[in-house]
Amino acid sequence: MTLTKIDNRFVLRSSYDERETPKRAGFRWDPARKCWWTDQPEKAARLIDYADDTAKSAIQSIADQQTAAMAACHILNLVNN
């Protein structure tokens, strides 16, 4: 199995026998392209063990942005209370 990032999608290529893994992670099947995909980094992060360097970097970058946003909200709550 290989997870890659193509445009705004995370795309997982897998064999038929491996199909339950992306299903459990919440990926969707694209019958035209014959691959699993998601546009949600949280779901892609569930399969980070299969990610190539580009996908890993994108997942980590999004996670870092979310962490920074949560920290900023926490600081704002402390200041306003």
Protein backbone atom coordinates (compact mmCIF):
# COMPACT_ATOMS: atom_id res chain seq x y z
CA MET A 1 0.00 0.00 0.00
CA THR A 2 1.17 3.51 -0.79
CA LEU A 3 -0.36 6.80 0.34
CA THR A 4 0.45 9.85 -1.79
CA LYS A 5 -0.77 13.46 -1.99
CA ILE A 6 -2.14 14.53 -5.36
CA ASP A 7 -3.53 18.06 -5.54
CA ASN A 8 -5.99 18.35 -2.63
CA ARG A 9 -6.44 14.62 -2.16
CA PHE A 10 -4.62 11.89 -0.34
CA VAL A 11 -4.64 8.85 -2.62
CA LEU A 12 -4.03 5.30 -1.45
CA ARG A 13 -3.12 2.54 -3.86
CA SER A 14 -3.70 -0.93 -2.50
CA SER A 15 -4.48 -4.44 -3.56
CA TYR A 16 -7.97 -5.87 -3.41
CA ASP A 17 -6.98 -7.96 -0.40
CA GLU A 18 -5.97 -4.79 1.48
CA ARG A 19 -9.27 -2.97 0.86
CA GLU A 20 -10.48 -3.16 4.48
CA THR A 21 -7.63 -0.93 5.69
CA PRO A 22 -8.67 2.20 3.76
CA LYS A 23 -12.34 1.45 4.44
CA ARG A 24 -11.70 1.44 8.20
CA ALA A 25 -9.72 4.68 7.89
CA GLY A 26 -12.67 6.38 6.18
CA PHE A 27 -11.29 6.63 2.65
CA ARG A 28 -13.62 6.61 -0.37
CA TRP A 29 -13.31 4.39 -3.41
CA ASP A 30 -12.86 6.08 -6.80
CA PRO A 31 -14.01 3.48 -9.35
CA ALA A 32 -12.80 5.48 -12.35
CA ARG A 33 -9.25 5.78 -11.02
CA LYS A 34 -9.36 2.49 -9.09
CA CYS A 35 -7.91 3.93 -5.92
CA TRP A 36 -8.93 5.02 -2.44
CA TRP A 37 -8.93 8.72 -1.56
CA THR A 38 -9.75 11.32 1.06
CA ASP A 39 -9.47 15.08 1.24
CA GLN A 40 -9.40 14.96 5.05
CA PRO A 41 -5.91 14.97 6.56
CA GLU A 42 -7.21 13.44 9.79
CA LYS A 43 -8.20 10.33 7.87
CA ALA A 44 -4.94 10.29 5.90
CA ALA A 45 -3.02 10.49 9.19
CA ARG A 46 -4.54 7.14 10.19
CA LEU A 47 -2.50 5.55 7.37
CA ILE A 48 0.70 7.60 7.75
CA ASP A 49 2.72 4.36 7.99
CA TYR A 50 2.00 3.87 4.26
CA ALA A 51 2.68 7.49 3.25
CA ASP A 52 5.43 8.60 0.91
CA ASP A 53 7.55 11.63 1.89
CA THR A 54 5.23 14.14 0.20
CA ALA A 55 2.13 12.82 1.95
CA LYS A 56 3.92 12.61 5.33
CA SER A 57 5.08 16.20 4.97
CA ALA A 58 1.57 17.41 4.09
CA ILE A 59 0.01 15.53 7.00
CA GLN A 60 2.61 16.88 9.44
CA SER A 61 2.25 20.44 8.13
CA ILE A 62 -1.53 20.36 8.58
CA ALA A 63 -1.17 18.87 12.07
CA ASP A 64 1.31 21.63 12.99
CA GLN A 65 -1.11 24.31 11.73
CA GLN A 66 -3.95 22.81 13.77
CA THR A 67 -1.77 22.67 16.88
CA ALA A 68 -0.78 26.32 16.45
CA ALA A 69 -4.40 27.36 15.96
CA MET A 70 -5.47 25.48 19.09
CA ALA A 71 -2.67 27.11 21.10
CA ALA A 72 -3.72 30.56 19.85
CA CYS A 73 -7.34 29.90 20.86
CA HIS A 74 -6.19 28.77 24.29
CA ILE A 75 -4.15 31.96 24.75
CA LEU A 76 -7.12 34.09 23.65
CA ASN A 77 -9.35 32.32 26.17
CA LEU A 78 -6.85 32.99 28.95
CA VAL A 79 -6.60 36.68 28.02
CA ASN A 80 -10.37 37.14 27.76
CA ASN A 81 -11.17 35.38 31.04
